[in-house]
Amino acid sequence: MLKRILSINGQEGVISQSAQLTSFSPDTLYIKTQGLPVFPKDAEGNIDLTGSVMDSDLGTVKINVYLKNELGNDIQLVNNVPLAMFALMSDYNGASAYANSYDYEGAVLDGAFEKGKQIAIPLGDVILQGDDILTVSLTGKVVSADWSIKMWASDEISLNQEILLTYAYVKGLDSQSFMFRNVMELFSYGLTDSETVVTDYFGTNSIDYEGLIAKALCNGRYEYTDGQHLAPYAKLWGDVTNWSQDITFTTVSNVHYMAVGRAFAPERKVRADKDVRNFTAYKQSIIANDSVKTKVLGLKN
């Protein structure tokens, strides 16, 4: 089920919009933008495919997602992350058509960016009940003269355990060190000849950006065609345990980083134990009324 939570139109200037969700179980945010360029413009006003997407309007608009937790401490799920980073992640996952925007001469490709830029932001599976409130906000300053943003919350994953994904963004400086807790994946955007390191529970991992970008272009489900821009986007590190880890990593100037993690809130275990769609009752109805289906599915009381 999709619920539209935001629909705005704007002009050049400051963006400051927010929406709230209650009594819902969102697993993903879906965003469609029109009129916000993926690539910056050069001094002559032409699309610069060699420029950083982080300097585009899509890079200047940042998103925050904040869970007001009725049962305990509030939780920041998305912390000031540029929409461009989520566009990159969406395309890496095969869900954005990020590359299908402009050819190398700067001409708009037919039926591509002008018809909308789609971005997916997985939240895990958030169960909003009682006085829980999920607030989504967009802030930034753009130069585009005519644009729109629409956003939907999706409730499609059928789980009876709440999962809270988190996203944090940093722009690197040479040899600067960051530490993040409970990280699942670390991504980067930007070209560099430098090598840095990520340290997790098991040791220190060297980061070869060029090699990892090549790996990402092989493994990512990009929708590129001939002559398209190939984003220098890479997965630098992934948690092998699936339990999340505390990591420390060093950065490189003008390379952008996004850490994807999990939030753990023990007091919300009651949310995890409560089946919001009442699957248990449905299972019992199958057991009571359809012995053949019960046997094949292996259902038990």
Protein backbone atom coordinates (compact mmCIF):
# COMPACT_ATOMS: atom_id res chain seq x y z
CA MET A 1 0.00 0.00 0.00
CA LEU A 2 1.25 3.47 -0.88
CA LYS A 3 0.35 6.62 0.97
CA ARG A 4 1.22 10.00 -0.56
CA ILE A 5 2.73 12.17 2.15
CA LEU A 6 4.20 15.10 0.22
CA SER A 7 3.50 16.97 -3.02
CA ILE A 8 5.19 20.31 -3.61
CA ASN A 9 5.98 22.64 -6.51
CA GLY A 10 8.57 25.35 -6.30
CA GLN A 11 10.86 27.90 -7.87
CA GLU A 12 14.43 29.02 -7.28
CA GLY A 13 15.22 29.53 -3.62
CA VAL A 14 14.96 27.80 -0.26
CA ILE A 15 13.19 24.45 0.20
CA SER A 16 11.77 23.70 3.63
CA GLN A 17 9.01 21.09 3.68
CA SER A 18 7.98 18.32 6.06
CA ALA A 19 5.37 15.60 6.45
CA GLN A 20 4.32 13.34 9.31
CA LEU A 21 3.13 9.75 9.51
CA THR A 22 1.22 8.05 12.34
CA SER A 23 -0.55 4.69 12.63
CA PHE A 24 1.25 3.26 9.60
CA SER A 25 4.05 0.75 9.00
CA PRO A 26 6.36 2.26 6.36
CA ASP A 27 9.14 0.13 4.90
CA THR A 28 10.26 2.44 2.07
CA LEU A 29 9.97 6.06 0.98
CA TYR A 30 9.54 6.61 -2.76
CA ILE A 31 10.34 10.02 -4.21
CA LYS A 32 9.72 11.44 -7.67
CA THR A 33 11.43 14.71 -8.57
CA GLN A 34 11.02 16.77 -11.72
CA GLY A 35 13.10 19.77 -12.68
CA LEU A 36 15.91 19.22 -10.17
CA PRO A 37 19.05 18.43 -12.25
CA VAL A 38 21.17 15.43 -11.38
CA PHE A 39 24.27 17.15 -12.81
CA PRO A 40 25.54 20.69 -12.14
CA LYS A 41 25.91 23.31 -14.86
CA ASP A 42 29.19 24.82 -16.00
CA ALA A 43 30.02 28.53 -16.34
CA GLU A 44 28.22 28.67 -19.70
CA GLY A 45 25.08 27.15 -18.24
CA ASN A 46 25.50 23.75 -19.90
CA ILE A 47 25.13 20.39 -18.17
CA ASP A 48 28.53 19.31 -16.83
CA LEU A 49 28.73 15.52 -16.84
CA THR A 50 32.24 15.69 -15.41
CA GLY A 51 31.00 17.65 -12.40
CA SER A 52 29.98 16.18 -9.07
CA VAL A 53 26.31 15.33 -8.69
CA MET A 54 26.69 16.61 -5.16
CA ASP A 55 26.96 20.14 -6.62
CA SER A 56 23.64 19.77 -8.44
CA ASP A 57 20.23 20.76 -7.10
CA LEU A 58 19.62 17.11 -6.26
CA GLY A 59 22.78 17.23 -4.18
CA THR A 60 21.87 20.39 -2.29
CA VAL A 61 18.46 19.14 -1.10
CA LYS A 62 18.86 17.09 2.07
CA ILE A 63 16.43 14.74 3.75
CA ASN A 64 15.93 13.95 7.43
CA VAL A 65 13.71 11.25 8.88
CA TYR A 66 12.99 11.37 12.60
CA LEU A 67 11.07 8.84 14.70
CA LYS A 68 9.35 10.27 17.76
CA ASN A 69 9.40 7.16 19.90
CA GLU A 70 6.42 6.93 22.24
CA LEU A 71 8.18 4.28 24.31
CA GLY A 72 11.63 5.77 24.83
CA ASN A 73 14.36 7.87 23.25
CA ASP A 74 13.60 9.42 19.86
CA ILE A 75 15.57 8.02 16.90
CA GLN A 76 17.13 9.80 13.91
CA LEU A 77 16.73 7.38 10.98
CA VAL A 78 18.07 9.64 8.21
CA ASN A 79 20.52 12.33 9.23
CA ASN A 80 20.90 15.17 6.72
CA VAL A 81 21.60 13.02 3.64
CA PRO A 82 21.55 14.66 0.17
CA LEU A 83 18.89 13.26 -2.17
CA ALA A 84 21.70 12.65 -4.69
CA MET A 85 23.22 10.01 -2.40
CA PHE A 86 19.93 8.14 -2.31
CA ALA A 87 19.58 8.53 -6.09
CA LEU A 88 22.99 6.89 -6.46
CA MET A 89 22.05 4.09 -4.07
CA SER A 90 18.74 3.58 -5.86
CA ASP A 91 20.47 3.22 -9.19
CA TYR A 92 23.08 0.87 -7.73
CA ASN A 93 20.13 -1.25 -6.60
CA GLY A 94 18.50 -0.97 -10.03
CA ALA A 95 15.66 1.29 -8.95
CA SER A 96 16.37 4.83 -10.06
CA ALA A 97 17.40 5.23 -13.73
CA TYR A 98 19.96 7.71 -12.37
CA ALA A 99 22.16 7.41 -15.45
CA ASN A 100 19.42 8.05 -17.99
CA SER A 101 19.44 11.83 -17.71
CA TYR A 102 21.73 13.46 -20.27
CA ASP A 103 24.10 12.33 -22.98
CA TYR A 104 27.71 13.51 -23.08
CA GLU A 105 26.77 16.58 -25.10
CA GLY A 106 24.35 17.65 -22.40
CA ALA A 107 21.20 16.93 -24.43
CA VAL A 108 18.20 15.67 -22.50
CA LEU A 109 17.50 12.06 -23.38
CA ASP A 110 13.99 11.41 -24.60
CA GLY A 111 11.64 10.17 -21.89
CA ALA A 112 14.27 10.17 -19.18
CA PHE A 113 14.98 12.81 -16.54
CA GLU A 114 12.38 15.31 -17.77
CA LYS A 115 9.65 12.80 -16.93
CA GLY A 116 10.87 12.42 -13.37
CA LYS A 117 13.66 11.14 -11.22
CA GLN A 118 12.71 8.21 -9.00
CA ILE A 119 14.45 7.59 -5.67
CA ALA A 120 13.88 4.77 -3.16
CA ILE A 121 14.83 5.07 0.52
CA PRO A 122 14.44 1.75 2.42
CA LEU A 123 13.50 2.32 6.07
CA GLY A 124 13.47 -1.34 7.18
CA ASP A 125 10.02 -1.94 8.63
CA VAL A 126 8.80 0.76 11.00
CA ILE A 127 5.69 0.03 13.06
CA LEU A 128 3.96 3.26 14.11
CA GLN A 129 1.48 2.87 16.95
CA GLY A 130 0.18 4.93 19.83
CA ASP A 131 1.88 8.33 19.88
CA ASP A 132 4.72 7.29 17.54
CA ILE A 133 5.31 9.94 14.85
CA LEU A 134 7.60 9.66 11.83
CA THR A 135 8.61 13.07 10.49
CA VAL A 136 10.19 13.45 7.03
CA SER A 137 11.71 16.82 6.12
CA LEU A 138 13.41 18.26 3.04
CA THR A 139 15.67 21.31 3.27
CA GLY A 140 18.03 23.08 0.89
CA LYS A 141 18.49 25.86 -1.63
CA VAL A 142 18.09 25.29 -5.37
CA VAL A 143 18.59 27.32 -8.54
CA SER A 144 16.02 25.48 -10.66
CA ALA A 145 13.18 27.72 -11.76
CA ASP A 146 10.41 25.12 -11.99
CA TRP A 147 10.46 21.86 -10.06
CA SER A 148 8.30 19.43 -8.14
CA ILE A 149 8.78 16.74 -5.52
CA LYS A 150 6.31 14.01 -4.68
CA MET A 151 6.81 11.46 -1.93
CA TRP A 152 5.03 8.27 -0.93
CA ALA A 153 5.40 5.95 2.05
CA SER A 154 5.11 2.24 1.27
CA ASP A 155 3.73 -0.48 3.52
CA GLU A 156 4.44 -3.66 1.59
CA ILE A 157 6.87 -5.78 3.61
CA SER A 158 4.99 -8.33 5.71
CA LEU A 159 7.04 -8.70 8.88
CA ASN A 160 6.20 -9.15 12.53
CA GLN A 161 9.54 -7.76 13.71
CA GLU A 162 10.32 -4.08 13.55
CA ILE A 163 13.58 -3.17 11.76
CA LEU A 164 14.91 0.40 11.87
CA LEU A 165 17.48 1.32 9.21
CA THR A 166 19.60 4.45 9.64
CA TYR A 167 21.53 6.66 7.22
CA ALA A 168 24.31 9.13 8.02
CA TYR A 169 26.24 11.32 5.56
CA VAL A 170 29.67 12.94 5.72
CA LYS A 171 31.80 14.83 3.22
CA GLY A 172 35.40 13.77 3.59
CA LEU A 173 38.58 15.65 4.34
CA ASP A 174 42.02 14.08 3.86
CA SER A 175 42.82 11.65 6.68
CA GLN A 176 39.80 12.68 8.74
CA SER A 177 38.46 9.84 10.89
CA PHE A 178 34.81 9.02 11.59
CA MET A 179 33.26 6.40 13.86
CA PHE A 180 29.73 5.08 13.41
CA ARG A 181 27.90 2.50 15.47
CA ASN A 182 25.82 -0.43 14.24
CA VAL A 183 26.75 -0.09 10.56
CA MET A 184 25.60 -2.52 7.88
CA GLU A 185 27.17 -0.93 4.77
CA LEU A 186 29.40 2.01 3.84
CA PHE A 187 29.15 3.70 0.43
CA SER A 188 31.14 6.47 -1.25
CA TYR A 189 30.81 8.83 -4.20
CA GLY A 190 33.83 10.47 -5.82
CA LEU A 191 37.07 9.78 -7.65
CA THR A 192 40.43 9.58 -5.91
CA ASP A 193 43.82 7.90 -6.29
CA SER A 194 44.15 7.64 -2.53
CA GLU A 195 43.67 4.54 -0.44
CA THR A 196 42.11 4.65 3.00
CA VAL A 197 40.98 2.13 5.61
CA VAL A 198 37.87 0.86 7.37
CA THR A 199 38.34 -0.78 10.76
CA ASP A 200 35.66 -3.12 12.08
CA TYR A 201 35.51 -5.72 14.86
CA PHE A 202 37.62 -8.18 12.89
CA GLY A 203 40.42 -5.85 11.80
CA THR A 204 41.47 -3.18 9.34
CA ASN A 205 40.45 -3.27 5.67
CA SER A 206 42.29 -1.22 3.04
CA ILE A 207 40.05 0.70 0.64
CA ASP A 208 41.10 0.89 -3.02
CA TYR A 209 38.51 3.31 -4.45
CA GLU A 210 39.26 2.67 -8.12
CA GLY A 211 38.96 -1.07 -7.65
CA LEU A 212 35.78 -0.83 -5.62
CA ILE A 213 34.17 1.50 -8.18
CA ALA A 214 35.02 -1.05 -10.88
CA LYS A 215 33.48 -3.77 -8.70
CA ALA A 216 30.35 -1.67 -8.13
CA LEU A 217 29.92 -1.11 -11.87
CA CYS A 218 30.14 -4.88 -12.33
CA ASN A 219 27.90 -5.90 -9.46
CA GLY A 220 25.44 -3.01 -9.29
CA ARG A 221 22.19 -3.33 -11.22
CA TYR A 222 22.67 -0.11 -13.15
CA GLU A 223 20.47 0.79 -16.09
CA TYR A 224 23.20 2.28 -18.28
CA THR A 225 23.17 2.49 -22.04
CA ASP A 226 25.99 3.40 -24.45
CA GLY A 227 27.40 6.86 -23.85
CA GLN A 228 25.97 7.25 -20.38
CA HIS A 229 27.60 8.80 -17.37
CA LEU A 230 29.12 6.14 -15.10
CA ALA A 231 28.89 7.28 -11.50
CA PRO A 232 32.00 6.86 -9.30
CA TYR A 233 29.85 5.20 -6.64
CA ALA A 234 31.15 2.29 -4.61
CA LYS A 235 30.34 0.01 -1.72
CA LEU A 236 33.42 0.34 0.48
CA TRP A 237 32.49 -2.07 3.24
CA GLY A 238 29.75 -4.51 4.22
CA ASP A 239 28.99 -6.28 7.48
CA VAL A 240 29.62 -10.02 7.10
CA THR A 241 27.67 -10.88 10.26
CA ASN A 242 24.35 -9.22 9.39
CA TRP A 243 24.26 -8.11 13.03
CA SER A 244 25.86 -4.69 12.27
CA GLN A 245 29.23 -3.50 13.56
CA ASP A 246 30.86 -0.39 14.97
CA ILE A 247 33.33 0.91 12.38
CA THR A 248 35.94 3.63 12.04
CA PHE A 249 37.03 4.89 8.62
CA THR A 250 39.32 7.55 7.21
CA THR A 251 38.17 9.86 4.44
CA VAL A 252 39.50 11.65 1.37
CA SER A 253 38.79 15.28 0.49
CA ASN A 254 35.75 15.82 -1.75
CA VAL A 255 34.67 12.18 -1.50
CA HIS A 256 31.18 11.75 -0.05
CA TYR A 257 30.24 8.92 2.29
CA MET A 258 26.99 7.35 3.47
CA ALA A 259 26.82 4.84 6.31
CA VAL A 260 23.79 2.54 6.37
CA GLY A 261 23.09 1.05 9.76
CA ARG A 262 20.48 -0.18 12.21
CA ALA A 263 18.94 1.39 15.28
CA PHE A 264 18.25 -0.83 18.26
CA ALA A 265 15.54 0.24 20.67
CA PRO A 266 14.79 -2.55 23.20
CA GLU A 267 11.73 -0.76 24.51
CA ARG A 268 10.12 -1.12 21.07
CA LYS A 269 10.20 -4.92 21.31
CA VAL A 270 6.46 -4.72 21.97
CA ARG A 271 6.14 -3.30 18.47
CA ALA A 272 8.05 -6.28 17.13
CA ASP A 273 5.87 -8.75 18.99
CA LYS A 274 2.62 -7.24 17.75
CA ASP A 275 1.58 -8.48 14.32
CA VAL A 276 0.05 -5.34 12.81
CA ARG A 277 -1.71 -7.22 10.03
CA ASN A 278 -2.89 -9.99 12.37
CA PHE A 279 -1.25 -12.76 10.36
CA THR A 280 -1.69 -15.05 13.35
CA ALA A 281 -5.46 -14.85 13.10
CA TYR A 282 -5.28 -15.52 9.35
CA LYS A 283 -3.06 -18.56 9.94
CA GLN A 284 -5.53 -19.93 12.48
CA SER A 285 -8.37 -19.48 9.98
CA ILE A 286 -6.45 -21.59 7.44
CA ILE A 287 -5.79 -24.30 10.03
CA ALA A 288 -9.46 -24.33 11.00
CA ASN A 289 -10.94 -24.27 7.51
CA ASP A 290 -8.52 -25.80 4.99
CA SER A 291 -6.72 -28.99 6.07
CA VAL A 292 -5.10 -29.55 2.65
CA LYS A 293 -3.60 -26.07 2.51
CA THR A 294 -2.53 -26.40 6.16
CA LYS A 295 -0.66 -29.64 5.42
CA VAL A 296 1.10 -28.35 2.30
CA LEU A 297 2.18 -25.10 4.00
CA GLY A 298 3.27 -26.96 7.13
CA LEU A 299 1.25 -24.71 9.43
CA LYS A 300 1.01 -25.54 13.11
CA ASN A 301 -0.82 -24.06 16.05
